[in-house]
PDB file of N, CA and C in Angstrom:
ATOM      1  N   MET A   1      -1.260  -3.605  18.272  1.00  0.00           N
ATOM      2  CA  MET A   1      -0.932  -2.201  18.051  1.00  0.00           C
ATOM      3  C   MET A   1      -2.041  -1.350  18.671  1.00  0.00           C
ATOM      4  N   PRO A   2      -1.717  -0.532  19.701  1.00  0.00           N
ATOM      5  CA  PRO A   2      -2.750   0.264  20.346  1.00  0.00           C
ATOM      6  C   PRO A   2      -3.199   1.444  19.495  1.00  0.00           C
ATOM      7  N   SER A   3      -4.340   2.018  19.858  1.00  0.00           N
ATOM      8  CA  SER A   3      -4.860   3.145  19.198  1.00  0.00           C
ATOM      9  C   SER A   3      -3.946   4.340  19.360  1.00  0.00           C
ATOM     10  N   SER A   4      -3.932   5.230  18.387  1.00  0.00           N
ATOM     11  CA  SER A   4      -3.121   6.422  18.448  1.00  0.00           C
ATOM     12  C   SER A   4      -3.719   7.357  19.509  1.00  0.00           C
ATOM     13  N   PRO A   5      -2.922   7.911  20.445  1.00  0.00           N
ATOM     14  CA  PRO A   5      -3.462   8.824  21.429  1.00  0.00           C
ATOM     15  C   PRO A   5      -3.933  10.142  20.841  1.00  0.00           C
ATOM     16  N   THR A   6      -3.473  10.500  19.654  1.00  0.00           N
ATOM     17  CA  THR A   6      -3.876  11.777  19.045  1.00  0.00           C
ATOM     18  C   THR A   6      -5.179  11.677  18.280  1.00  0.00           C
ATOM     19  N   SER A   7      -5.617  10.481  17.950  1.00  0.00           N
ATOM     20  CA  SER A   7      -6.840  10.346  17.148  1.00  0.00           C
ATOM     21  C   SER A   7      -7.784   9.342  17.783  1.00  0.00           C
ATOM     22  N   PRO A   8      -8.964   9.783  18.231  1.00  0.00           N
ATOM     23  CA  PRO A   8      -9.905   8.866  18.865  1.00  0.00           C
ATOM     24  C   PRO A   8     -10.517   7.928  17.826  1.00  0.00           C
ATOM     25  N   TYR A   9     -10.316   8.110  16.566  1.00  0.00           N
ATOM     26  CA  TYR A   9     -10.968   7.313  15.530  1.00  0.00           C
ATOM     27  C   TYR A   9     -10.107   6.192  14.999  1.00  0.00           C
ATOM     28  N   LYS A  10      -8.839   6.200  15.295  1.00  0.00           N
ATOM     29  CA  LYS A  10      -7.935   5.103  14.846  1.00  0.00           C
ATOM     30  C   LYS A  10      -8.055   3.971  15.863  1.00  0.00           C
ATOM     31  N   ALA A  11      -8.263   2.772  15.331  1.00  0.00           N
ATOM     32  CA  ALA A  11      -8.346   1.605  16.205  1.00  0.00           C
ATOM     33  C   ALA A  11      -7.799   0.421  15.416  1.00  0.00           C
ATOM     34  N   ASP A  12      -7.510  -0.667  16.145  1.00  0.00           N
ATOM     35  CA  ASP A  12      -7.038  -1.866  15.489  1.00  0.00           C
ATOM     36  C   ASP A  12      -8.097  -2.386  14.538  1.00  0.00           C
ATOM     37  N   THR A  13      -9.302  -2.412  14.992  1.00  0.00           N
ATOM     38  CA  THR A  13     -10.441  -2.803  14.169  1.00  0.00           C
ATOM     39  C   THR A  13     -11.409  -1.644  14.070  1.00  0.00           C
ATOM     40  N   PRO A  14     -11.695  -1.207  12.865  1.00  0.00           N
ATOM     41  CA  PRO A  14     -12.603  -0.063  12.725  1.00  0.00           C
ATOM     42  C   PRO A  14     -14.016  -0.402  13.209  1.00  0.00           C
ATOM     43  N   THR A  15     -14.673   0.602  13.743  1.00  0.00           N
ATOM     44  CA  THR A  15     -16.042   0.392  14.191  1.00  0.00           C
ATOM     45  C   THR A  15     -16.971   1.345  13.453  1.00  0.00           C
ATOM     46  N   TYR A  16     -18.124   0.837  13.094  1.00  0.00           N
ATOM     47  CA  TYR A  16     -19.098   1.600  12.360  1.00  0.00           C
ATOM     48  C   TYR A  16     -19.553   2.798  13.198  1.00  0.00           C
ATOM     49  N   SER A  17     -19.785   2.610  14.450  1.00  0.00           N
ATOM     50  CA  SER A  17     -20.292   3.715  15.297  1.00  0.00           C
ATOM     51  C   SER A  17     -19.312   4.882  15.366  1.00  0.00           C
ATOM     52  N   LEU A  18     -18.016   4.595  15.520  1.00  0.00           N
ATOM     53  CA  LEU A  18     -17.028   5.675  15.571  1.00  0.00           C
ATOM     54  C   LEU A  18     -16.909   6.366  14.204  1.00  0.00           C
ATOM     55  N   ASP A  19     -16.909   5.573  13.139  1.00  0.00           N
ATOM     56  CA  ASP A  19     -16.843   6.198  11.804  1.00  0.00           C
ATOM     57  C   ASP A  19     -18.056   7.030  11.512  1.00  0.00           C
ATOM     58  N   ARG A  20     -19.227   6.552  11.941  1.00  0.00           N
ATOM     59  CA  ARG A  20     -20.472   7.324  11.698  1.00  0.00           C
ATOM     60  C   ARG A  20     -20.428   8.635  12.515  1.00  0.00           C
ATOM     61  N   ALA A  21     -19.927   8.536  13.728  1.00  0.00           N
ATOM     62  CA  ALA A  21     -19.816   9.751  14.549  1.00  0.00           C
ATOM     63  C   ALA A  21     -18.843  10.765  13.913  1.00  0.00           C
ATOM     64  N   ARG A  22     -17.805  10.273  13.325  1.00  0.00           N
ATOM     65  CA  ARG A  22     -16.834  11.153  12.648  1.00  0.00           C
ATOM     66  C   ARG A  22     -17.510  11.821  11.458  1.00  0.00           C
ATOM     67  N   LEU A  23     -18.267  11.071  10.680  1.00  0.00           N
ATOM     68  CA  LEU A  23     -18.967  11.622   9.498  1.00  0.00           C
ATOM     69  C   LEU A  23     -20.000  12.666   9.963  1.00  0.00           C
ATOM     70  N   SER A  24     -20.750  12.364  11.023  1.00  0.00           N
ATOM     71  CA  SER A  24     -21.784  13.287  11.446  1.00  0.00           C
ATOM     72  C   SER A  24     -21.221  14.559  12.112  1.00  0.00           C
ATOM     73  N   SER A  25     -19.969  14.486  12.556  1.00  0.00           N
ATOM     74  CA  SER A  25     -19.369  15.725  13.091  1.00  0.00           C
ATOM     75  C   SER A  25     -19.073  16.715  11.967  1.00  0.00           C
ATOM     76  N   SER A  26     -18.783  16.193  10.765  1.00  0.00           N
ATOM     77  CA  SER A  26     -18.554  17.075   9.632  1.00  0.00           C
ATOM     78  C   SER A  26     -19.845  17.399   8.912  1.00  0.00           C
ATOM     79  N   TYR A  27     -20.748  16.418   8.803  1.00  0.00           N
ATOM     80  CA  TYR A  27     -21.996  16.555   8.071  1.00  0.00           C
ATOM     81  C   TYR A  27     -23.128  15.986   8.946  1.00  0.00           C
ATOM     82  N   PRO A  28     -23.731  16.811   9.833  1.00  0.00           N
ATOM     83  CA  PRO A  28     -24.745  16.308  10.745  1.00  0.00           C
ATOM     84  C   PRO A  28     -25.922  15.547  10.124  1.00  0.00           C
ATOM     85  N   GLU A  29     -26.267  15.904   8.891  1.00  0.00           N
ATOM     86  CA  GLU A  29     -27.375  15.188   8.237  1.00  0.00           C
ATOM     87  C   GLU A  29     -26.875  13.976   7.431  1.00  0.00           C
ATOM     88  N   LEU A  30     -25.567  13.688   7.550  1.00  0.00           N
ATOM     89  CA  LEU A  30     -24.931  12.585   6.828  1.00  0.00           C
ATOM     90  C   LEU A  30     -25.186  12.654   5.336  1.00  0.00           C
ATOM     91  N   ARG A  31     -25.118  13.873   4.767  1.00  0.00           N
ATOM     92  CA  ARG A  31     -25.306  14.040   3.338  1.00  0.00           C
ATOM     93  C   ARG A  31     -24.293  15.094   2.878  1.00  0.00           C
ATOM     94  N   CYS A  32     -23.562  14.761   1.833  1.00  0.00           N
ATOM     95  CA  CYS A  32     -22.585  15.691   1.223  1.00  0.00           C
ATOM     96  C   CYS A  32     -23.152  16.244  -0.079  1.00  0.00           C
ATOM     97  N   PRO A  33     -22.881  17.533  -0.352  1.00  0.00           N
ATOM     98  CA  PRO A  33     -23.416  18.101  -1.570  1.00  0.00           C
ATOM     99  C   PRO A  33     -22.645  17.638  -2.842  1.00  0.00           C
ATOM    100  N   THR A  34     -21.344  17.329  -2.705  1.00  0.00           N
ATOM    101  CA  THR A  34     -20.612  16.988  -3.895  1.00  0.00           C
ATOM    102  C   THR A  34     -19.907  15.634  -3.732  1.00  0.00           C
ATOM    103  N   GLU A  35     -19.580  15.002  -4.871  1.00  0.00           N
ATOM    104  CA  GLU A  35     -18.860  13.736  -4.808  1.00  0.00           C
ATOM    105  C   GLU A  35     -17.469  13.932  -4.231  1.00  0.00           C
ATOM    106  N   GLN A  36     -16.813  15.037  -4.531  1.00  0.00           N
ATOM    107  CA  GLN A  36     -15.517  15.308  -3.991  1.00  0.00           C
ATOM    108  C   GLN A  36     -15.544  15.397  -2.455  1.00  0.00           C
ATOM    109  N   ASP A  37     -16.549  16.074  -1.922  1.00  0.00           N
ATOM    110  CA  ASP A  37     -16.688  16.185  -0.461  1.00  0.00           C
ATOM    111  C   ASP A  37     -16.932  14.801   0.136  1.00  0.00           C
ATOM    112  N   ALA A  38     -17.756  14.015  -0.484  1.00  0.00           N
ATOM    113  CA  ALA A  38     -18.072  12.658   0.022  1.00  0.00           C
ATOM    114  C   ALA A  38     -16.796  11.804   0.044  1.00  0.00           C
ATOM    115  N   ARG A  39     -16.032  11.849  -1.012  1.00  0.00           N
ATOM    116  CA  ARG A  39     -14.794  11.096  -1.083  1.00  0.00           C
ATOM    117  C   ARG A  39     -13.797  11.509   0.037  1.00  0.00           C
ATOM    118  N   MET A  40     -13.706  12.846   0.188  1.00  0.00           N
ATOM    119  CA  MET A  40     -12.772  13.376   1.176  1.00  0.00           C
ATOM    120  C   MET A  40     -13.140  12.947   2.582  1.00  0.00           C
ATOM    121  N   VAL A  41     -14.391  13.059   2.949  1.00  0.00           N
ATOM    122  CA  VAL A  41     -14.809  12.760   4.304  1.00  0.00           C
ATOM    123  C   VAL A  41     -14.800  11.234   4.569  1.00  0.00           C
ATOM    124  N   LEU A  42     -15.133  10.427   3.572  1.00  0.00           N
ATOM    125  CA  LEU A  42     -15.066   8.966   3.732  1.00  0.00           C
ATOM    126  C   LEU A  42     -13.614   8.486   3.824  1.00  0.00           C
ATOM    127  N   ALA A  43     -12.709   9.171   3.146  1.00  0.00           N
ATOM    128  CA  ALA A  43     -11.297   8.803   3.180  1.00  0.00           C
ATOM    129  C   ALA A  43     -10.669   9.068   4.564  1.00  0.00           C
ATOM    130  N   GLN A  44     -11.371   9.799   5.447  1.00  0.00           N
ATOM    131  CA  GLN A  44     -10.872  10.079   6.807  1.00  0.00           C
ATOM    132  C   GLN A  44     -11.384   9.064   7.818  1.00  0.00           C
ATOM    133  N   THR A  45     -12.171   8.092   7.366  1.00  0.00           N
ATOM    134  CA  THR A  45     -12.706   7.131   8.327  1.00  0.00           C
ATOM    135  C   THR A  45     -11.714   5.983   8.573  1.00  0.00           C
ATOM    136  N   ALA A  46     -11.901   5.295   9.671  1.00  0.00           N
ATOM    137  CA  ALA A  46     -11.025   4.156  10.014  1.00  0.00           C
ATOM    138  C   ALA A  46     -11.213   3.004   9.037  1.00  0.00           C
ATOM    139  N   ILE A  47     -12.437   2.781   8.550  1.00  0.00           N
ATOM    140  CA  ILE A  47     -12.688   1.661   7.616  1.00  0.00           C
ATOM    141  C   ILE A  47     -11.905   1.897   6.331  1.00  0.00           C
ATOM    142  N   TYR A  48     -11.823   3.148   5.884  1.00  0.00           N
ATOM    143  CA  TYR A  48     -11.100   3.438   4.662  1.00  0.00           C
ATOM    144  C   TYR A  48      -9.654   3.049   4.752  1.00  0.00           C
ATOM    145  N   GLU A  49      -9.063   3.252   5.926  1.00  0.00           N
ATOM    146  CA  GLU A  49      -7.653   2.963   6.149  1.00  0.00           C
ATOM    147  C   GLU A  49      -7.376   1.475   6.450  1.00  0.00           C
ATOM    148  N   SER A  50      -8.408   0.687   6.705  1.00  0.00           N
ATOM    149  CA  SER A  50      -8.223  -0.713   7.107  1.00  0.00           C
ATOM    150  C   SER A  50      -7.789  -1.579   5.952  1.00  0.00           C
ATOM    151  N   PRO A  51      -6.855  -2.503   6.201  1.00  0.00           N
ATOM    152  CA  PRO A  51      -6.401  -3.405   5.119  1.00  0.00           C
ATOM    153  C   PRO A  51      -7.524  -4.193   4.457  1.00  0.00           C
ATOM    154  N   PRO A  52      -8.503  -4.745   5.180  1.00  0.00           N
ATOM    155  CA  PRO A  52      -9.565  -5.515   4.475  1.00  0.00           C
ATOM    156  C   PRO A  52     -10.309  -4.639   3.423  1.00  0.00           C
ATOM    157  N   PHE A  53     -10.563  -3.393   3.772  1.00  0.00           N
ATOM    158  CA  PHE A  53     -11.253  -2.498   2.816  1.00  0.00           C
ATOM    159  C   PHE A  53     -10.300  -2.156   1.667  1.00  0.00           C
ATOM    160  N   GLN A  54      -9.085  -1.779   1.975  1.00  0.00           N
ATOM    161  CA  GLN A  54      -8.137  -1.396   0.927  1.00  0.00           C
ATOM    162  C   GLN A  54      -7.842  -2.505  -0.109  1.00  0.00           C
ATOM    163  N   GLN A  55      -7.847  -3.759   0.391  1.00  0.00           N
ATOM    164  CA  GLN A  55      -7.623  -4.885  -0.533  1.00  0.00           C
ATOM    165  C   GLN A  55      -8.781  -5.075  -1.529  1.00  0.00           C
ATOM    166  N   LYS A  56      -9.983  -4.718  -1.122  1.00  0.00           N
ATOM    167  CA  LYS A  56     -11.144  -4.966  -1.981  1.00  0.00           C
ATOM    168  C   LYS A  56     -11.615  -3.694  -2.726  1.00  0.00           C
ATOM    169  N   PHE A  57     -11.269  -2.531  -2.207  1.00  0.00           N
ATOM    170  CA  PHE A  57     -11.778  -1.264  -2.741  1.00  0.00           C
ATOM    171  C   PHE A  57     -11.253  -0.914  -4.114  1.00  0.00           C
ATOM    172  N   GLN A  58      -9.965  -0.922  -4.300  1.00  0.00           N
ATOM    173  CA  GLN A  58      -9.291  -0.639  -5.554  1.00  0.00           C
ATOM    174  C   GLN A  58      -9.719   0.741  -6.153  1.00  0.00           C
ATOM    175  N   ASN A  59      -9.936   1.695  -5.291  1.00  0.00           N
ATOM    176  CA  ASN A  59     -10.255   3.081  -5.653  1.00  0.00           C
ATOM    177  C   ASN A  59     -11.517   3.198  -6.588  1.00  0.00           C
ATOM    178  N   ASP A  60     -12.469   2.317  -6.392  1.00  0.00           N
ATOM    179  CA  ASP A  60     -13.716   2.364  -7.159  1.00  0.00           C
ATOM    180  C   ASP A  60     -14.813   3.030  -6.352  1.00  0.00           C
ATOM    181  N   TRP A  61     -14.842   4.340  -6.389  1.00  0.00           N
ATOM    182  CA  TRP A  61     -15.810   5.098  -5.595  1.00  0.00           C
ATOM    183  C   TRP A  61     -17.217   4.823  -6.010  1.00  0.00           C
ATOM    184  N   SER A  62     -17.472   4.460  -7.290  1.00  0.00           N
ATOM    185  CA  SER A  62     -18.811   4.198  -7.697  1.00  0.00           C
ATOM    186  C   SER A  62     -19.424   3.038  -6.977  1.00  0.00           C
ATOM    187  N   SER A  63     -18.592   2.151  -6.421  1.00  0.00           N
ATOM    188  CA  SER A  63     -19.125   0.993  -5.701  1.00  0.00           C
ATOM    189  C   SER A  63     -19.612   1.332  -4.299  1.00  0.00           C
ATOM    190  N   VAL A  64     -19.251   2.490  -3.784  1.00  0.00           N
ATOM    191  CA  VAL A  64     -19.689   2.853  -2.428  1.00  0.00           C
ATOM    192  C   VAL A  64     -20.489   4.148  -2.324  1.00  0.00           C
ATOM    193  N   LEU A  65     -20.363   5.040  -3.260  1.00  0.00           N
ATOM    194  CA  LEU A  65     -21.107   6.282  -3.189  1.00  0.00           C
ATOM    195  C   LEU A  65     -22.510   6.157  -3.735  1.00  0.00           C
ATOM    196  N   LEU A  66     -23.488   6.716  -2.994  1.00  0.00           N
ATOM    197  CA  LEU A  66     -24.864   6.694  -3.431  1.00  0.00           C
ATOM    198  C   LEU A  66     -25.374   8.133  -3.478  1.00  0.00           C
ATOM    199  N   ARG A  67     -25.811   8.557  -4.653  1.00  0.00           N
ATOM    200  CA  ARG A  67     -26.354   9.909  -4.825  1.00  0.00           C
ATOM    201  C   ARG A  67     -27.871   9.804  -4.638  1.00  0.00           C
ATOM    202  N   SER A  68     -28.389  10.640  -3.744  1.00  0.00           N
ATOM    203  CA  SER A  68     -29.829  10.680  -3.546  1.00  0.00           C
ATOM    204  C   SER A  68     -30.244  12.061  -3.034  1.00  0.00           C
ATOM    205  N   ASN A  69     -31.370  12.519  -3.470  1.00  0.00           N
ATOM    206  CA  ASN A  69     -31.941  13.836  -3.022  1.00  0.00           C
ATOM    207  C   ASN A  69     -30.943  14.978  -3.123  1.00  0.00           C
ATOM    208  N   GLY A  70     -30.231  15.064  -4.242  1.00  0.00           N
ATOM    209  CA  GLY A  70     -29.324  16.191  -4.440  1.00  0.00           C
ATOM    210  C   GLY A  70     -28.046  16.140  -3.694  1.00  0.00           C
ATOM    211  N   GLY A  71     -27.649  15.000  -3.139  1.00  0.00           N
ATOM    212  CA  GLY A  71     -26.408  14.886  -2.399  1.00  0.00           C
ATOM    213  C   GLY A  71     -25.957  13.446  -2.325  1.00  0.00           C
ATOM    214  N   TYR A  72     -24.918  13.212  -1.573  1.00  0.00           N
ATOM    215  CA  TYR A  72     -24.388  11.877  -1.411  1.00  0.00           C
ATOM    216  C   TYR A  72     -24.668  11.394   0.016  1.00  0.00           C
ATOM    217  N   ASP A  73     -25.302  10.277   0.111  1.00  0.00           N
ATOM    218  CA  ASP A  73     -25.739   9.701   1.411  1.00  0.00           C
ATOM    219  C   ASP A  73     -24.523   9.038   2.077  1.00  0.00           C
ATOM    220  N   LEU A  74     -23.970   9.673   3.098  1.00  0.00           N
ATOM    221  CA  LEU A  74     -22.786   9.146   3.781  1.00  0.00           C
ATOM    222  C   LEU A  74     -23.082   7.930   4.595  1.00  0.00           C
ATOM    223  N   ASP A  75     -24.275   7.834   5.162  1.00  0.00           N
ATOM    224  CA  ASP A  75     -24.591   6.668   5.994  1.00  0.00           C
ATOM    225  C   ASP A  75     -24.660   5.417   5.136  1.00  0.00           C
ATOM    226  N   VAL A  76     -25.297   5.464   3.997  1.00  0.00           N
ATOM    227  CA  VAL A  76     -25.380   4.348   3.084  1.00  0.00           C
ATOM    228  C   VAL A  76     -23.973   3.988   2.546  1.00  0.00           C
ATOM    229  N   SER A  77     -23.223   5.016   2.229  1.00  0.00           N
ATOM    230  CA  SER A  77     -21.856   4.816   1.693  1.00  0.00           C
ATOM    231  C   SER A  77     -20.986   4.105   2.739  1.00  0.00           C
ATOM    232  N   LEU A  78     -21.108   4.540   4.013  1.00  0.00           N
ATOM    233  CA  LEU A  78     -20.302   3.929   5.056  1.00  0.00           C
ATOM    234  C   LEU A  78     -20.707   2.472   5.246  1.00  0.00           C
ATOM    235  N   LYS A  79     -21.997   2.186   5.207  1.00  0.00           N
ATOM    236  CA  LYS A  79     -22.439   0.785   5.312  1.00  0.00           C
ATOM    237  C   LYS A  79     -21.895  -0.033   4.164  1.00  0.00           C
ATOM    238  N   LYS A  80     -21.847   0.523   2.969  1.00  0.00           N
ATOM    239  CA  LYS A  80     -21.274  -0.211   1.831  1.00  0.00           C
ATOM    240  C   LYS A  80     -19.787  -0.484   2.027  1.00  0.00           C
ATOM    241  N   CYS A  81     -19.087   0.465   2.631  1.00  0.00           N
ATOM    242  CA  CYS A  81     -17.649   0.244   2.909  1.00  0.00           C
ATOM    243  C   CYS A  81     -17.452  -0.882   3.867  1.00  0.00           C
ATOM    244  N   TYR A  82     -18.241  -0.932   4.930  1.00  0.00           N
ATOM    245  CA  TYR A  82     -18.140  -2.046   5.898  1.00  0.00           C
ATOM    246  C   TYR A  82     -18.549  -3.371   5.270  1.00  0.00           C
ATOM    247  N   ALA A  83     -19.592  -3.370   4.452  1.00  0.00           N
ATOM    248  CA  ALA A  83     -19.998  -4.611   3.806  1.00  0.00           C
ATOM    249  C   ALA A  83     -18.901  -5.100   2.877  1.00  0.00           C
ATOM    250  N   MET A  84     -18.275  -4.197   2.167  1.00  0.00           N
ATOM    251  CA  MET A  84     -17.196  -4.578   1.239  1.00  0.00           C
ATOM    252  C   MET A  84     -16.027  -5.156   2.007  1.00  0.00           C
ATOM    253  N   ALA A  85     -15.683  -4.555   3.116  1.00  0.00           N
ATOM    254  CA  ALA A  85     -14.481  -4.957   3.884  1.00  0.00           C
ATOM    255  C   ALA A  85     -14.696  -6.288   4.570  1.00  0.00           C
ATOM    256  N   PHE A  86     -15.891  -6.517   5.100  1.00  0.00           N
ATOM    257  CA  PHE A  86     -16.087  -7.678   5.999  1.00  0.00           C
ATOM    258  C   PHE A  86     -17.069  -8.728   5.484  1.00  0.00           C
ATOM    259  N   ALA A  87     -17.539  -8.601   4.275  1.00  0.00           N
ATOM    260  CA  ALA A  87     -18.465  -9.618   3.711  1.00  0.00           C
ATOM    261  C   ALA A  87     -17.705 -10.943   3.549  1.00  0.00           C
ATOM    262  N   MET A  88     -18.415 -11.985   3.910  1.00  0.00           N
ATOM    263  CA  MET A  88     -17.861 -13.323   3.744  1.00  0.00           C
ATOM    264  C   MET A  88     -18.370 -13.969   2.473  1.00  0.00           C
ATOM    265  N   PRO A  89     -17.536 -14.701   1.773  1.00  0.00           N
ATOM    266  CA  PRO A  89     -18.022 -15.434   0.600  1.00  0.00           C
ATOM    267  C   PRO A  89     -18.968 -16.556   1.009  1.00  0.00           C
ATOM    268  N   PRO A  90     -19.837 -17.005   0.087  1.00  0.00           N
ATOM    269  CA  PRO A  90     -20.730 -18.131   0.456  1.00  0.00           C
ATOM    270  C   PRO A  90     -19.899 -19.349   0.867  1.00  0.00           C
ATOM    271  N   SER A  91     -20.451 -20.116   1.791  1.00  0.00           N
ATOM    272  CA  SER A  91     -19.726 -21.320   2.228  1.00  0.00           C
ATOM    273  C   SER A  91     -19.718 -22.364   1.121  1.00  0.00           C
ATOM    274  N   PRO A  92     -18.746 -23.248   1.153  1.00  0.00           N
ATOM    275  CA  PRO A  92     -18.712 -24.329   0.147  1.00  0.00           C
ATOM    276  C   PRO A  92     -19.957 -25.193   0.184  1.00  0.00           C
ATOM    277  N   ASP A  93     -20.531 -25.416   1.358  1.00  0.00           N
ATOM    278  CA  ASP A  93     -21.775 -26.176   1.470  1.00  0.00           C
ATOM    279  C   ASP A  93     -22.906 -25.501   0.753  1.00  0.00           C
ATOM    280  N   PHE A  94     -23.003 -24.176   0.834  1.00  0.00           N
ATOM    281  CA  PHE A  94     -24.040 -23.427   0.171  1.00  0.00           C
ATOM    282  C   PHE A  94     -23.922 -23.592  -1.332  1.00  0.00           C
ATOM    283  N   ARG A  95     -22.717 -23.481  -1.866  1.00  0.00           N
ATOM    284  CA  ARG A  95     -22.498 -23.656  -3.287  1.00  0.00           C
ATOM    285  C   ARG A  95     -22.875 -25.060  -3.767  1.00  0.00           C
ATOM    286  N   ALA A  96     -22.552 -26.059  -2.937  1.00  0.00           N
ATOM    287  CA  ALA A  96     -22.882 -27.432  -3.335  1.00  0.00           C
ATOM    288  C   ALA A  96     -24.381 -27.604  -3.353  1.00  0.00           C
ATOM    289  N   ARG A  97     -25.091 -27.039  -2.334  1.00  0.00           N
ATOM    290  CA  ARG A  97     -26.555 -27.162  -2.336  1.00  0.00           C
ATOM    291  C   ARG A  97     -27.176 -26.400  -3.485  1.00  0.00           C
ATOM    292  N   SER A  98     -26.666 -25.193  -3.803  1.00  0.00           N
ATOM    293  CA  SER A  98     -27.301 -24.421  -4.886  1.00  0.00           C
ATOM    294  C   SER A  98     -27.020 -25.064  -6.224  1.00  0.00           C
ATOM    295  N   ASN A  99     -25.917 -25.762  -6.382  1.00  0.00           N
ATOM    296  CA  ASN A  99     -25.634 -26.453  -7.671  1.00  0.00           C
ATOM    297  C   ASN A  99     -26.462 -27.728  -7.800  1.00  0.00           C
ATOM    298  N   SER A 100     -27.016 -28.274  -6.734  1.00  0.00           N
ATOM    299  CA  SER A 100     -27.759 -29.506  -6.821  1.00  0.00           C
ATOM    300  C   SER A 100     -29.248 -29.294  -7.039  1.00  0.00           C
ATOM    301  N   VAL A 101     -29.693 -28.050  -7.193  1.00  0.00           N
ATOM    302  CA  VAL A 101     -31.105 -27.770  -7.447  1.00  0.00           C
ATOM    303  C   VAL A 101     -31.392 -28.028  -8.913  1.00  0.00           C
ATOM    304  N   ASN A 102     -32.402 -28.894  -9.188  1.00  0.00           N
ATOM    305  CA  ASN A 102     -32.700 -29.198 -10.594  1.00  0.00           C
ATOM    306  C   ASN A 102     -33.616 -28.180 -11.199  1.00  0.00           C
ATOM    307  N   SER A 103     -33.986 -28.354 -12.461  1.00  0.00           N
ATOM    308  CA  SER A 103     -34.750 -27.323 -13.199  1.00  0.00           C
ATOM    309  C   SER A 103     -36.117 -27.097 -12.603  1.00  0.00           C
ATOM    310  N   GLN A 104     -36.727 -28.059 -11.884  1.00  0.00           N
ATOM    311  CA  GLN A 104     -38.040 -27.894 -11.275  1.00  0.00           C
ATOM    312  C   GLN A 104     -37.943 -27.163  -9.917  1.00  0.00           C
ATOM    313  N   GLY A 105     -36.723 -26.848  -9.488  1.00  0.00           N
ATOM    314  CA  GLY A 105     -36.530 -26.169  -8.214  1.00  0.00           C
ATOM    315  C   GLY A 105     -36.404 -27.133  -7.050  1.00  0.00           C
ATOM    316  N   ASN A 106     -36.455 -28.438  -7.285  1.00  0.00           N
ATOM    317  CA  ASN A 106     -36.287 -29.409  -6.259  1.00  0.00           C
ATOM    318  C   ASN A 106     -34.818 -29.705  -6.066  1.00  0.00           C
ATOM    319  N   SER A 107     -34.424 -29.836  -4.807  1.00  0.00           N
ATOM    320  CA  SER A 107     -33.027 -30.120  -4.569  1.00  0.00           C
ATOM    321  C   SER A 107     -32.821 -31.619  -4.480  1.00  0.00           C
ATOM    322  N   GLU A 108     -31.683 -32.037  -4.957  1.00  0.00           N
ATOM    323  CA  GLU A 108     -31.316 -33.463  -4.880  1.00  0.00           C
ATOM    324  C   GLU A 108     -30.453 -33.601  -3.631  1.00  0.00           C
ATOM    325  N   PRO A 109     -30.508 -34.717  -2.995  1.00  0.00           N
ATOM    326  CA  PRO A 109     -29.691 -34.928  -1.784  1.00  0.00           C
ATOM    327  C   PRO A 109     -28.201 -34.873  -2.109  1.00  0.00           C
ATOM    328  N   VAL A 110     -27.467 -34.241  -1.256  1.00  0.00           N
ATOM    329  CA  VAL A 110     -26.014 -34.184  -1.407  1.00  0.00           C
ATOM    330  C   VAL A 110     -25.434 -35.289  -0.595  1.00  0.00           C
ATOM    331  N   SER A 111     -24.616 -36.133  -1.214  1.00  0.00           N
ATOM    332  CA  SER A 111     -24.028 -37.237  -0.500  1.00  0.00           C
ATOM    333  C   SER A 111     -22.846 -36.759   0.371  1.00  0.00           C
ATOM    334  N   LEU A 112     -22.789 -37.295   1.548  1.00  0.00           N
ATOM    335  CA  LEU A 112     -21.738 -36.926   2.450  1.00  0.00           C
ATOM    336  C   LEU A 112     -20.818 -38.115   2.650  1.00  0.00           C
ATOM    337  N   SER A 113     -19.533 -37.883   2.561  1.00  0.00           N
ATOM    338  CA  SER A 113     -18.606 -38.977   2.787  1.00  0.00           C
ATOM    339  C   SER A 113     -17.954 -38.770   4.167  1.00  0.00           C
ATOM    340  N   ILE A 114     -17.919 -39.792   4.921  1.00  0.00           N
ATOM    341  CA  ILE A 114     -17.368 -39.704   6.284  1.00  0.00           C
ATOM    342  C   ILE A 114     -16.090 -40.510   6.381  1.00  0.00           C
TER     343      ILE A 114
END
């Protein structure tokens, strides 16, 4: 599915740099004074509209909005949106290794079957 000719920000795969540029066009210092403004401007980004983000977001703004210095930091919030959308779960090998660590912090060898 090609990008929409009417919107330079819509793409098959959202990009952080385009979303950040969109945010900075509305708020050059990447800081919103109110939570409502932060929600509104973040909802206009490509990551917000992407299926991976929407599947994990569940309208929980507290998980992405960061209040600091009397406003909402849009750059940090955007990074949290991308982390939420594209974070990978730990690999099965990592879980097996972390479960094999004994109480002294020494790891026991994990047997491999071939």
